[in-house]
PDB file of N, CA and C in Angstrom:
ATOM      1  N   MET A   1     147.355 117.858 126.268  1.00  0.00           N
ATOM      2  CA  MET A   1     146.072 118.390 125.860  1.00  0.00           C
ATOM      3  C   MET A   1     146.023 118.589 124.342  1.00  0.00           C
ATOM      4  N   ARG A   2     147.133 119.041 123.812  1.00  0.00           N
ATOM      5  CA  ARG A   2     147.210 119.282 122.372  1.00  0.00           C
ATOM      6  C   ARG A   2     147.056 117.972 121.600  1.00  0.00           C
ATOM      7  N   TYR A   3     147.676 116.908 122.083  1.00  0.00           N
ATOM      8  CA  TYR A   3     147.578 115.608 121.406  1.00  0.00           C
ATOM      9  C   TYR A   3     146.153 115.059 121.467  1.00  0.00           C
ATOM     10  N   LEU A   4     145.479 115.305 122.559  1.00  0.00           N
ATOM     11  CA  LEU A   4     144.097 114.868 122.706  1.00  0.00           C
ATOM     12  C   LEU A   4     143.200 115.577 121.692  1.00  0.00           C
ATOM     13  N   ALA A   5     143.394 116.873 121.537  1.00  0.00           N
ATOM     14  CA  ALA A   5     142.597 117.638 120.579  1.00  0.00           C
ATOM     15  C   ALA A   5     142.853 117.162 119.154  1.00  0.00           C
ATOM     16  N   ILE A   6     144.112 116.918 118.820  1.00  0.00           N
ATOM     17  CA  ILE A   6     144.458 116.430 117.478  1.00  0.00           C
ATOM     18  C   ILE A   6     143.865 115.042 117.254  1.00  0.00           C
ATOM     19  N   SER A   7     143.939 114.190 118.256  1.00  0.00           N
ATOM     20  CA  SER A   7     143.370 112.838 118.148  1.00  0.00           C
ATOM     21  C   SER A   7     141.866 112.893 117.933  1.00  0.00           C
ATOM     22  N   LEU A   8     141.194 113.778 118.665  1.00  0.00           N
ATOM     23  CA  LEU A   8     139.741 113.909 118.497  1.00  0.00           C
ATOM     24  C   LEU A   8     139.384 114.417 117.104  1.00  0.00           C
ATOM     25  N   ILE A   9     140.136 115.352 116.578  1.00  0.00           N
ATOM     26  CA  ILE A   9     139.886 115.871 115.232  1.00  0.00           C
ATOM     27  C   ILE A   9     140.070 114.764 114.203  1.00  0.00           C
ATOM     28  N   ILE A  10     141.124 113.997 114.322  1.00  0.00           N
ATOM     29  CA  ILE A  10     141.383 112.891 113.398  1.00  0.00           C
ATOM     30  C   ILE A  10     140.262 111.856 113.490  1.00  0.00           C
ATOM     31  N   LEU A  11     139.832 111.532 114.692  1.00  0.00           N
ATOM     32  CA  LEU A  11     138.756 110.563 114.886  1.00  0.00           C
ATOM     33  C   LEU A  11     137.460 111.045 114.237  1.00  0.00           C
ATOM     34  N   VAL A  12     137.139 112.311 114.404  1.00  0.00           N
ATOM     35  CA  VAL A  12     135.921 112.876 113.792  1.00  0.00           C
ATOM     36  C   VAL A  12     136.028 112.829 112.274  1.00  0.00           C
ATOM     37  N   LEU A  13     137.183 113.197 111.733  1.00  0.00           N
ATOM     38  CA  LEU A  13     137.364 113.163 110.282  1.00  0.00           C
ATOM     39  C   LEU A  13     137.250 111.750 109.731  1.00  0.00           C
ATOM     40  N   LEU A  14     137.857 110.797 110.400  1.00  0.00           N
ATOM     41  CA  LEU A  14     137.805 109.413 109.940  1.00  0.00           C
ATOM     42  C   LEU A  14     136.397 108.844 110.025  1.00  0.00           C
ATOM     43  N   SER A  15     135.698 109.117 111.097  1.00  0.00           N
ATOM     44  CA  SER A  15     134.342 108.584 111.226  1.00  0.00           C
ATOM     45  C   SER A  15     133.397 109.257 110.239  1.00  0.00           C
ATOM     46  N   GLY A  16     133.645 110.484 109.887  1.00  0.00           N
ATOM     47  CA  GLY A  16     132.826 111.173 108.903  1.00  0.00           C
ATOM     48  C   GLY A  16     133.058 110.670 107.502  1.00  0.00           C
ATOM     49  N   CYS A  17     134.205 110.079 107.246  1.00  0.00           N
ATOM     50  CA  CYS A  17     134.521 109.558 105.921  1.00  0.00           C
ATOM     51  C   CYS A  17     133.967 108.155 105.700  1.00  0.00           C
ATOM     52  N   SER A  18     133.648 107.447 106.759  1.00  0.00           N
ATOM     53  CA  SER A  18     133.118 106.101 106.577  1.00  0.00           C
ATOM     54  C   SER A  18     131.702 106.194 106.057  1.00  0.00           C
ATOM     55  N   LYS A  19     131.346 105.252 105.215  1.00  0.00           N
ATOM     56  CA  LYS A  19     130.033 105.288 104.586  1.00  0.00           C
ATOM     57  C   LYS A  19     129.371 103.929 104.735  1.00  0.00           C
ATOM     58  N   SER A  20     128.144 103.937 105.192  1.00  0.00           N
ATOM     59  CA  SER A  20     127.374 102.708 105.268  1.00  0.00           C
ATOM     60  C   SER A  20     126.701 102.485 103.922  1.00  0.00           C
ATOM     61  N   ILE A  21     126.916 101.343 103.342  1.00  0.00           N
ATOM     62  CA  ILE A  21     126.390 101.059 102.013  1.00  0.00           C
ATOM     63  C   ILE A  21     124.896 100.802 102.070  1.00  0.00           C
ATOM     64  N   GLY A  22     124.446  99.991 102.993  1.00  0.00           N
ATOM     65  CA  GLY A  22     123.024  99.678 103.094  1.00  0.00           C
ATOM     66  C   GLY A  22     122.589  98.638 102.086  1.00  0.00           C
ATOM     67  N   ASN A  23     121.344  98.225 102.196  1.00  0.00           N
ATOM     68  CA  ASN A  23     120.783  97.237 101.282  1.00  0.00           C
ATOM     69  C   ASN A  23     120.582  97.866  99.910  1.00  0.00           C
ATOM     70  N   PRO A  24     120.676  97.053  98.850  1.00  0.00           N
ATOM     71  CA  PRO A  24     120.457  97.612  97.516  1.00  0.00           C
ATOM     72  C   PRO A  24     119.012  98.073  97.337  1.00  0.00           C
ATOM     73  N   THR A  25     118.851  99.156  96.630  1.00  0.00           N
ATOM     74  CA  THR A  25     117.517  99.670  96.325  1.00  0.00           C
ATOM     75  C   THR A  25     117.120  99.215  94.925  1.00  0.00           C
ATOM     76  N   ALA A  26     115.856  99.389  94.594  1.00  0.00           N
ATOM     77  CA  ALA A  26     115.406  99.074  93.238  1.00  0.00           C
ATOM     78  C   ALA A  26     116.178  99.915  92.227  1.00  0.00           C
ATOM     79  N   SER A  27     116.451 101.161  92.586  1.00  0.00           N
ATOM     80  CA  SER A  27     117.219 102.035  91.702  1.00  0.00           C
ATOM     81  C   SER A  27     118.608 101.460  91.437  1.00  0.00           C
ATOM     82  N   ASP A  28     119.270 100.952  92.484  1.00  0.00           N
ATOM     83  CA  ASP A  28     120.586 100.332  92.326  1.00  0.00           C
ATOM     84  C   ASP A  28     120.519  99.146  91.367  1.00  0.00           C
ATOM     85  N   ILE A  29     119.529  98.289  91.572  1.00  0.00           N
ATOM     86  CA  ILE A  29     119.405  97.079  90.757  1.00  0.00           C
ATOM     87  C   ILE A  29     119.128  97.445  89.303  1.00  0.00           C
ATOM     88  N   LEU A  30     118.152  98.324  89.080  1.00  0.00           N
ATOM     89  CA  LEU A  30     117.757  98.661  87.712  1.00  0.00           C
ATOM     90  C   LEU A  30     118.805  99.492  86.984  1.00  0.00           C
ATOM     91  N   ARG A  31     119.644 100.187  87.715  1.00  0.00           N
ATOM     92  CA  ARG A  31     120.739 100.920  87.088  1.00  0.00           C
ATOM     93  C   ARG A  31     121.706  99.946  86.425  1.00  0.00           C
ATOM     94  N   ASN A  32     121.895  98.785  87.050  1.00  0.00           N
ATOM     95  CA  ASN A  32     122.832  97.788  86.537  1.00  0.00           C
ATOM     96  C   ASN A  32     122.186  96.729  85.653  1.00  0.00           C
ATOM     97  N   ASP A  33     120.880  96.503  85.811  1.00  0.00           N
ATOM     98  CA  ASP A  33     120.189  95.463  85.050  1.00  0.00           C
ATOM     99  C   ASP A  33     118.751  95.897  84.789  1.00  0.00           C
ATOM    100  N   THR A  34     118.519  96.510  83.644  1.00  0.00           N
ATOM    101  CA  THR A  34     117.180  97.028  83.329  1.00  0.00           C
ATOM    102  C   THR A  34     116.158  95.925  83.111  1.00  0.00           C
ATOM    103  N   ASP A  35     116.603  94.669  83.003  1.00  0.00           N
ATOM    104  CA  ASP A  35     115.694  93.544  82.785  1.00  0.00           C
ATOM    105  C   ASP A  35     115.484  92.716  84.062  1.00  0.00           C
ATOM    106  N   ALA A  36     115.899  93.229  85.203  1.00  0.00           N
ATOM    107  CA  ALA A  36     115.798  92.480  86.469  1.00  0.00           C
ATOM    108  C   ALA A  36     114.339  92.184  86.817  1.00  0.00           C
ATOM    109  N   ASP A  37     114.102  90.988  87.355  1.00  0.00           N
ATOM    110  CA  ASP A  37     112.767  90.565  87.807  1.00  0.00           C
ATOM    111  C   ASP A  37     112.719  90.767  89.316  1.00  0.00           C
ATOM    112  N   ILE A  38     112.274  91.952  89.745  1.00  0.00           N
ATOM    113  CA  ILE A  38     112.282  92.308  91.161  1.00  0.00           C
ATOM    114  C   ILE A  38     110.940  92.893  91.581  1.00  0.00           C
ATOM    115  N   PHE A  39     110.711  92.892  92.887  1.00  0.00           N
ATOM    116  CA  PHE A  39     109.623  93.682  93.468  1.00  0.00           C
ATOM    117  C   PHE A  39     110.074  94.197  94.816  1.00  0.00           C
ATOM    118  N   GLN A  40     109.439  95.257  95.277  1.00  0.00           N
ATOM    119  CA  GLN A  40     109.792  95.858  96.562  1.00  0.00           C
ATOM    120  C   GLN A  40     108.671  95.590  97.563  1.00  0.00           C
ATOM    121  N   TRP A  41     109.083  95.210  98.781  1.00  0.00           N
ATOM    122  CA  TRP A  41     108.118  94.869  99.826  1.00  0.00           C
ATOM    123  C   TRP A  41     108.775  95.083 101.174  1.00  0.00           C
ATOM    124  N   ASN A  42     107.966  95.165 102.213  1.00  0.00           N
ATOM    125  CA  ASN A  42     108.458  95.147 103.586  1.00  0.00           C
ATOM    126  C   ASN A  42     109.404  96.307 103.892  1.00  0.00           C
ATOM    127  N   ASP A  43     108.895  97.525 103.805  1.00  0.00           N
ATOM    128  CA  ASP A  43     109.668  98.731 104.130  1.00  0.00           C
ATOM    129  C   ASP A  43     110.914  98.904 103.267  1.00  0.00           C
ATOM    130  N   GLY A  44     110.748  98.726 101.981  1.00  0.00           N
ATOM    131  CA  GLY A  44     111.832  99.031 101.058  1.00  0.00           C
ATOM    132  C   GLY A  44     112.763  97.894 100.709  1.00  0.00           C
ATOM    133  N   LEU A  45     112.523  96.696 101.218  1.00  0.00           N
ATOM    134  CA  LEU A  45     113.376  95.576 100.838  1.00  0.00           C
ATOM    135  C   LEU A  45     113.043  95.151  99.412  1.00  0.00           C
ATOM    136  N   VAL A  46     114.083  94.853  98.640  1.00  0.00           N
ATOM    137  CA  VAL A  46     113.905  94.443  97.252  1.00  0.00           C
ATOM    138  C   VAL A  46     114.102  92.930  97.170  1.00  0.00           C
ATOM    139  N   TYR A  47     113.153  92.279  96.514  1.00  0.00           N
ATOM    140  CA  TYR A  47     113.178  90.823  96.335  1.00  0.00           C
ATOM    141  C   TYR A  47     113.387  90.512  94.861  1.00  0.00           C
ATOM    142  N   SER A  48     114.210  89.491  94.592  1.00  0.00           N
ATOM    143  CA  SER A  48     114.544  89.101  93.229  1.00  0.00           C
ATOM    144  C   SER A  48     114.104  87.662  92.969  1.00  0.00           C
ATOM    145  N   ASN A  49     113.685  87.391  91.751  1.00  0.00           N
ATOM    146  CA  ASN A  49     113.268  86.047  91.361  1.00  0.00           C
ATOM    147  C   ASN A  49     114.424  85.082  91.605  1.00  0.00           C
ATOM    148  N   ALA A  50     114.156  84.042  92.401  1.00  0.00           N
ATOM    149  CA  ALA A  50     115.202  83.087  92.790  1.00  0.00           C
ATOM    150  C   ALA A  50     115.044  81.752  92.089  1.00  0.00           C
ATOM    151  N   SER A  51     114.170  81.656  91.092  1.00  0.00           N
ATOM    152  CA  SER A  51     113.903  80.364  90.470  1.00  0.00           C
ATOM    153  C   SER A  51     115.121  79.775  89.766  1.00  0.00           C
ATOM    154  N   ASN A  52     116.073  80.600  89.388  1.00  0.00           N
ATOM    155  CA  ASN A  52     117.275  80.095  88.726  1.00  0.00           C
ATOM    156  C   ASN A  52     118.467  79.943  89.665  1.00  0.00           C
ATOM    157  N   LEU A  53     118.265  80.208  90.952  1.00  0.00           N
ATOM    158  CA  LEU A  53     119.377  80.085  91.898  1.00  0.00           C
ATOM    159  C   LEU A  53     119.576  78.631  92.302  1.00  0.00           C
ATOM    160  N   GLU A  54     120.815  78.245  92.315  1.00  0.00           N
ATOM    161  CA  GLU A  54     121.160  76.871  92.698  1.00  0.00           C
ATOM    162  C   GLU A  54     120.750  76.608  94.145  1.00  0.00           C
ATOM    163  N   GLY A  55     120.118  75.502  94.389  1.00  0.00           N
ATOM    164  CA  GLY A  55     119.745  75.097  95.736  1.00  0.00           C
ATOM    165  C   GLY A  55     118.340  75.476  96.136  1.00  0.00           C
ATOM    166  N   ILE A  56     117.730  76.437  95.458  1.00  0.00           N
ATOM    167  CA  ILE A  56     116.373  76.849  95.819  1.00  0.00           C
ATOM    168  C   ILE A  56     115.390  75.716  95.558  1.00  0.00           C
ATOM    169  N   GLN A  57     115.548  75.021  94.423  1.00  0.00           N
ATOM    170  CA  GLN A  57     114.637  73.942  94.091  1.00  0.00           C
ATOM    171  C   GLN A  57     114.752  72.779  95.067  1.00  0.00           C
ATOM    172  N   ASP A  58     115.889  72.639  95.716  1.00  0.00           N
ATOM    173  CA  ASP A  58     116.111  71.540  96.656  1.00  0.00           C
ATOM    174  C   ASP A  58     115.460  71.784  98.011  1.00  0.00           C
ATOM    175  N   LYS A  59     115.151  73.026  98.316  1.00  0.00           N
ATOM    176  CA  LYS A  59     114.550  73.355  99.611  1.00  0.00           C
ATOM    177  C   LYS A  59     113.059  73.057  99.593  1.00  0.00           C
ATOM    178  N   ASP A  60     112.533  72.715 100.747  1.00  0.00           N
ATOM    179  CA  ASP A  60     111.107  72.435 100.880  1.00  0.00           C
ATOM    180  C   ASP A  60     110.399  73.722 101.294  1.00  0.00           C
ATOM    181  N   ILE A  61     110.245  74.618 100.332  1.00  0.00           N
ATOM    182  CA  ILE A  61     109.631  75.915 100.597  1.00  0.00           C
ATOM    183  C   ILE A  61     108.176  75.844 100.166  1.00  0.00           C
ATOM    184  N   LYS A  62     107.306  76.100 101.102  1.00  0.00           N
ATOM    185  CA  LYS A  62     105.869  76.045 100.826  1.00  0.00           C
ATOM    186  C   LYS A  62     105.248  77.418 101.070  1.00  0.00           C
ATOM    187  N   LYS A  63     104.157  77.655 100.377  1.00  0.00           N
ATOM    188  CA  LYS A  63     103.424  78.908 100.494  1.00  0.00           C
ATOM    189  C   LYS A  63     102.718  78.967 101.839  1.00  0.00           C
ATOM    190  N   GLY A  64     102.867  80.097 102.519  1.00  0.00           N
ATOM    191  CA  GLY A  64     102.191  80.337 103.785  1.00  0.00           C
ATOM    192  C   GLY A  64     101.075  81.350 103.617  1.00  0.00           C
ATOM    193  N   GLU A  65     100.941  82.215 104.596  1.00  0.00           N
ATOM    194  CA  GLU A  65      99.879  83.220 104.641  1.00  0.00           C
ATOM    195  C   GLU A  65     100.078  84.315 103.586  1.00  0.00           C
ATOM    196  N   GLU A  66      98.980  84.744 102.967  1.00  0.00           N
ATOM    197  CA  GLU A  66      99.026  85.856 102.024  1.00  0.00           C
ATOM    198  C   GLU A  66      99.288  87.149 102.798  1.00  0.00           C
ATOM    199  N   ILE A  67     100.221  87.968 102.278  1.00  0.00           N
ATOM    200  CA  ILE A  67     100.563  89.207 102.977  1.00  0.00           C
ATOM    201  C   ILE A  67     100.302  90.455 102.146  1.00  0.00           C
ATOM    202  N   GLY A  68      99.892  90.283 100.915  1.00  0.00           N
ATOM    203  CA  GLY A  68      99.612  91.445 100.079  1.00  0.00           C
ATOM    204  C   GLY A  68      99.706  91.112  98.618  1.00  0.00           C
ATOM    205  N   GLY A  69      99.908  92.153  97.813  1.00  0.00           N
ATOM    206  CA  GLY A  69      99.988  91.943  96.379  1.00  0.00           C
ATOM    207  C   GLY A  69     100.703  93.072  95.669  1.00  0.00           C
ATOM    208  N   ILE A  70     100.992  92.833  94.410  1.00  0.00           N
ATOM    209  CA  ILE A  70     101.645  93.832  93.576  1.00  0.00           C
ATOM    210  C   ILE A  70     100.609  94.895  93.208  1.00  0.00           C
ATOM    211  N   THR A  71     100.965  96.152  93.430  1.00  0.00           N
ATOM    212  CA  THR A  71     100.037  97.253  93.178  1.00  0.00           C
ATOM    213  C   THR A  71     100.454  98.124  91.993  1.00  0.00           C
ATOM    214  N   ARG A  72     101.684  97.913  91.509  1.00  0.00           N
ATOM    215  CA  ARG A  72     102.181  98.754  90.425  1.00  0.00           C
ATOM    216  C   ARG A  72     103.245  98.007  89.641  1.00  0.00           C
ATOM    217  N   LYS A  73     103.188  98.108  88.334  1.00  0.00           N
ATOM    218  CA  LYS A  73     104.213  97.517  87.484  1.00  0.00           C
ATOM    219  C   LYS A  73     104.976  98.646  86.812  1.00  0.00           C
ATOM    220  N   THR A  74     106.284  98.678  87.013  1.00  0.00           N
ATOM    221  CA  THR A  74     107.107  99.750  86.448  1.00  0.00           C
ATOM    222  C   THR A  74     108.562  99.308  86.344  1.00  0.00           C
ATOM    223  N   LYS A  75     109.261  99.904  85.422  1.00  0.00           N
ATOM    224  CA  LYS A  75     110.717  99.729  85.336  1.00  0.00           C
ATOM    225  C   LYS A  75     111.416 101.066  85.607  1.00  0.00           C
ATOM    226  N   ASN A  76     110.622 102.052  86.019  1.00  0.00           N
ATOM    227  CA  ASN A  76     111.169 103.361  86.355  1.00  0.00           C
ATOM    228  C   ASN A  76     111.803 103.272  87.740  1.00  0.00           C
ATOM    229  N   ARG A  77     113.095 103.342  87.796  1.00  0.00           N
ATOM    230  CA  ARG A  77     113.821 103.139  89.056  1.00  0.00           C
ATOM    231  C   ARG A  77     113.597 104.248  90.068  1.00  0.00           C
ATOM    232  N   TRP A  78     113.081 105.375  89.644  1.00  0.00           N
ATOM    233  CA  TRP A  78     112.880 106.498  90.557  1.00  0.00           C
ATOM    234  C   TRP A  78     111.555 106.435  91.298  1.00  0.00           C
ATOM    235  N   PHE A  79     110.595 105.669  90.801  1.00  0.00           N
ATOM    236  CA  PHE A  79     109.275 105.648  91.418  1.00  0.00           C
ATOM    237  C   PHE A  79     108.927 104.296  92.016  1.00  0.00           C
ATOM    238  N   PHE A  80     109.936 103.537  92.398  1.00  0.00           N
ATOM    239  CA  PHE A  80     109.702 102.238  93.021  1.00  0.00           C
ATOM    240  C   PHE A  80     109.339 102.431  94.483  1.00  0.00           C
ATOM    241  N   LYS A  81     108.322 101.726  94.933  1.00  0.00           N
ATOM    242  CA  LYS A  81     107.941 101.734  96.340  1.00  0.00           C
ATOM    243  C   LYS A  81     107.362 100.373  96.662  1.00  0.00           C
ATOM    244  N   ASP A  82     107.042 100.122  97.918  1.00  0.00           N
ATOM    245  CA  ASP A  82     106.484  98.829  98.307  1.00  0.00           C
ATOM    246  C   ASP A  82     105.261  98.513  97.449  1.00  0.00           C
ATOM    247  N   GLY A  83     105.236  97.317  96.906  1.00  0.00           N
ATOM    248  CA  GLY A  83     104.146  96.878  96.041  1.00  0.00           C
ATOM    249  C   GLY A  83     104.467  96.995  94.557  1.00  0.00           C
ATOM    250  N   ALA A  84     105.580  97.646  94.207  1.00  0.00           N
ATOM    251  CA  ALA A  84     105.965  97.810  92.809  1.00  0.00           C
ATOM    252  C   ALA A  84     106.796  96.623  92.334  1.00  0.00           C
ATOM    253  N   ALA A  85     106.605  96.250  91.072  1.00  0.00           N
ATOM    254  CA  ALA A  85     107.350  95.145  90.466  1.00  0.00           C
ATOM    255  C   ALA A  85     107.728  95.509  89.042  1.00  0.00           C
ATOM    256  N   THR A  86     108.802  94.885  88.548  1.00  0.00           N
ATOM    257  CA  THR A  86     109.220  95.134  87.171  1.00  0.00           C
ATOM    258  C   THR A  86     108.503  94.234  86.183  1.00  0.00           C
ATOM    259  N   LYS A  87     108.235  92.994  86.564  1.00  0.00           N
ATOM    260  CA  LYS A  87     107.657  92.034  85.616  1.00  0.00           C
ATOM    261  C   LYS A  87     106.326  91.446  86.068  1.00  0.00           C
ATOM    262  N   LEU A  88     106.087  91.399  87.360  1.00  0.00           N
ATOM    263  CA  LEU A  88     104.854  90.797  87.861  1.00  0.00           C
ATOM    264  C   LEU A  88     103.674  91.710  87.597  1.00  0.00           C
ATOM    265  N   PRO A  89     102.548  91.140  87.157  1.00  0.00           N
ATOM    266  CA  PRO A  89     101.381  91.987  86.894  1.00  0.00           C
ATOM    267  C   PRO A  89     100.720  92.489  88.180  1.00  0.00           C
ATOM    268  N   VAL A  90     100.058  93.627  88.064  1.00  0.00           N
ATOM    269  CA  VAL A  90      99.288  94.173  89.184  1.00  0.00           C
ATOM    270  C   VAL A  90      98.270  93.117  89.614  1.00  0.00           C
ATOM    271  N   GLY A  91      98.136  92.941  90.917  1.00  0.00           N
ATOM    272  CA  GLY A  91      97.211  91.950  91.461  1.00  0.00           C
ATOM    273  C   GLY A  91      97.867  90.636  91.825  1.00  0.00           C
ATOM    274  N   THR A  92      99.131  90.423  91.428  1.00  0.00           N
ATOM    275  CA  THR A  92      99.843  89.201  91.806  1.00  0.00           C
ATOM    276  C   THR A  92      99.938  89.144  93.319  1.00  0.00           C
ATOM    277  N   LYS A  93      99.558  88.012  93.905  1.00  0.00           N
ATOM    278  CA  LYS A  93      99.553  87.869  95.362  1.00  0.00           C
ATOM    279  C   LYS A  93     100.926  87.482  95.884  1.00  0.00           C
ATOM    280  N   ILE A  94     101.251  88.029  97.062  1.00  0.00           N
ATOM    281  CA  ILE A  94     102.522  87.758  97.730  1.00  0.00           C
ATOM    282  C   ILE A  94     102.226  86.986  99.006  1.00  0.00           C
ATOM    283  N   TYR A  95     103.021  85.925  99.247  1.00  0.00           N
ATOM    284  CA  TYR A  95     102.823  85.057 100.406  1.00  0.00           C
ATOM    285  C   TYR A  95     104.110  84.923 101.208  1.00  0.00           C
ATOM    286  N   LYS A  96     103.943  84.746 102.508  1.00  0.00           N
ATOM    287  CA  LYS A  96     105.064  84.331 103.352  1.00  0.00           C
ATOM    288  C   LYS A  96     105.397  82.893 102.988  1.00  0.00           C
ATOM    289  N   THR A  97     106.543  82.432 103.454  1.00  0.00           N
ATOM    290  CA  THR A  97     106.859  81.012 103.310  1.00  0.00           C
ATOM    291  C   THR A  97     106.266  80.266 104.501  1.00  0.00           C
ATOM    292  N   ASN A  98     106.262  78.951 104.419  1.00  0.00           N
ATOM    293  CA  ASN A  98     105.686  78.139 105.492  1.00  0.00           C
ATOM    294  C   ASN A  98     106.421  78.302 106.818  1.00  0.00           C
ATOM    295  N   ASP A  99     107.654  78.756 106.800  1.00  0.00           N
ATOM    296  CA  ASP A  99     108.397  78.938 108.061  1.00  0.00           C
ATOM    297  C   ASP A  99     108.584  80.413 108.412  1.00  0.00           C
ATOM    298  N   ASP A 100     107.776  81.297 107.794  1.00  0.00           N
ATOM    299  CA  ASP A 100     107.816  82.745 108.068  1.00  0.00           C
ATOM    300  C   ASP A 100     109.200  83.354 107.862  1.00  0.00           C
ATOM    301  N   ASP A 101     109.950  82.838 106.915  1.00  0.00           N
ATOM    302  CA  ASP A 101     111.271  83.358 106.587  1.00  0.00           C
ATOM    303  C   ASP A 101     111.104  84.673 105.821  1.00  0.00           C
ATOM    304  N   ILE A 102     111.493  85.800 106.423  1.00  0.00           N
ATOM    305  CA  ILE A 102     111.322  87.097 105.753  1.00  0.00           C
ATOM    306  C   ILE A 102     112.301  87.291 104.598  1.00  0.00           C
ATOM    307  N   TYR A 103     113.293  86.411 104.494  1.00  0.00           N
ATOM    308  CA  TYR A 103     114.281  86.529 103.431  1.00  0.00           C
ATOM    309  C   TYR A 103     113.790  85.934 102.125  1.00  0.00           C
ATOM    310  N   MET A 104     112.697  85.172 102.185  1.00  0.00           N
ATOM    311  CA  MET A 104     112.106  84.607 100.986  1.00  0.00           C
ATOM    312  C   MET A 104     110.598  84.806 101.028  1.00  0.00           C
ATOM    313  N   LEU A 105     110.054  85.182  99.895  1.00  0.00           N
ATOM    314  CA  LEU A 105     108.610  85.309  99.748  1.00  0.00           C
ATOM    315  C   LEU A 105     108.210  84.517  98.512  1.00  0.00           C
ATOM    316  N   ILE A 106     106.947  84.166  98.428  1.00  0.00           N
ATOM    317  CA  ILE A 106     106.441  83.382  97.301  1.00  0.00           C
ATOM    318  C   ILE A 106     105.343  84.182  96.609  1.00  0.00           C
ATOM    319  N   ILE A 107     105.377  84.166  95.300  1.00  0.00           N
ATOM    320  CA  ILE A 107     104.265  84.741  94.544  1.00  0.00           C
ATOM    321  C   ILE A 107     103.628  83.596  93.768  1.00  0.00           C
ATOM    322  N   GLU A 108     102.349  83.772  93.488  1.00  0.00           N
ATOM    323  CA  GLU A 108     101.643  82.782  92.690  1.00  0.00           C
ATOM    324  C   GLU A 108     101.263  83.448  91.372  1.00  0.00           C
ATOM    325  N   LEU A 109     101.744  82.870  90.280  1.00  0.00           N
ATOM    326  CA  LEU A 109     101.516  83.436  88.958  1.00  0.00           C
ATOM    327  C   LEU A 109     101.090  82.326  88.011  1.00  0.00           C
ATOM    328  N   GLU A 110      99.884  82.440  87.487  1.00  0.00           N
ATOM    329  CA  GLU A 110      99.342  81.460  86.548  1.00  0.00           C
ATOM    330  C   GLU A 110      99.436  80.039  87.111  1.00  0.00           C
ATOM    331  N   GLY A 111      99.083  79.881  88.383  1.00  0.00           N
ATOM    332  CA  GLY A 111      99.075  78.579  89.031  1.00  0.00           C
ATOM    333  C   GLY A 111     100.435  78.061  89.470  1.00  0.00           C
ATOM    334  N   GLU A 112     101.480  78.817  89.216  1.00  0.00           N
ATOM    335  CA  GLU A 112     102.837  78.411  89.592  1.00  0.00           C
ATOM    336  C   GLU A 112     103.319  79.247  90.772  1.00  0.00           C
ATOM    337  N   GLU A 113     103.968  78.601  91.730  1.00  0.00           N
ATOM    338  CA  GLU A 113     104.565  79.303  92.866  1.00  0.00           C
ATOM    339  C   GLU A 113     106.027  79.597  92.559  1.00  0.00           C
ATOM    340  N   ILE A 114     106.408  80.868  92.702  1.00  0.00           N
ATOM    341  CA  ILE A 114     107.778  81.293  92.404  1.00  0.00           C
ATOM    342  C   ILE A 114     108.365  81.930  93.650  1.00  0.00           C
ATOM    343  N   VAL A 115     109.554  81.491  94.024  1.00  0.00           N
ATOM    344  CA  VAL A 115     110.250  82.015  95.200  1.00  0.00           C
ATOM    345  C   VAL A 115     111.063  83.237  94.802  1.00  0.00           C
ATOM    346  N   TYR A 116     110.954  84.280  95.614  1.00  0.00           N
ATOM    347  CA  TYR A 116     111.762  85.480  95.471  1.00  0.00           C
ATOM    348  C   TYR A 116     112.567  85.622  96.758  1.00  0.00           C
ATOM    349  N   HIS A 117     113.821  86.020  96.650  1.00  0.00           N
ATOM    350  CA  HIS A 117     114.656  86.206  97.851  1.00  0.00           C
ATOM    351  C   HIS A 117     115.050  87.671  97.977  1.00  0.00           C
ATOM    352  N   VAL A 118     115.234  88.100  99.211  1.00  0.00           N
ATOM    353  CA  VAL A 118     115.576  89.486  99.483  1.00  0.00           C
ATOM    354  C   VAL A 118     117.043  89.741  99.107  1.00  0.00           C
ATOM    355  N   LEU A 119     117.297  90.934  98.608  1.00  0.00           N
ATOM    356  CA  LEU A 119     118.654  91.348  98.285  1.00  0.00           C
ATOM    357  C   LEU A 119     119.173  92.206  99.422  1.00  0.00           C
ATOM    358  N   LEU A 120     120.203  91.706 100.099  1.00  0.00           N
ATOM    359  CA  LEU A 120     120.762  92.396 101.260  1.00  0.00           C
ATOM    360  C   LEU A 120     122.200  92.774 101.005  1.00  0.00           C
ATOM    361  N   GLU A 121     122.666  93.773 101.735  1.00  0.00           N
ATOM    362  CA  GLU A 121     124.060  94.187 101.665  1.00  0.00           C
ATOM    363  C   GLU A 121     124.958  93.006 102.034  1.00  0.00           C
ATOM    364  N   GLY A 122     126.059  92.917 101.371  1.00  0.00           N
ATOM    365  CA  GLY A 122     127.029  91.912 101.750  1.00  0.00           C
ATOM    366  C   GLY A 122     127.207  90.927 100.737  1.00  0.00           C
TER     367      GLY A 122
END
């Protein structure tokens, strides 16, 4: 019985020490890169400009349905919420991709379509 109690205490202590990192927040990104080109959408997911990522240009990514737009432009990492962007102007439209991939969204800026990809843990 004594060993069981000690084992349970150790298990509780170990599980309490584990920490789930979670997806990066706008605050995390801007703390490390104040010039990041990001926006937040879809319940707190942060999307980053993917135009310079290798392989993005090779994919056949097309603009799908419009899902919203940028409502706030800020670099203040404490007041980021869905619709906020660091570089995109207010009113910039956000679109799904042609295959409804939630990991990539498209914005249209000055007649150009730019792919943004979600930043996930891992």
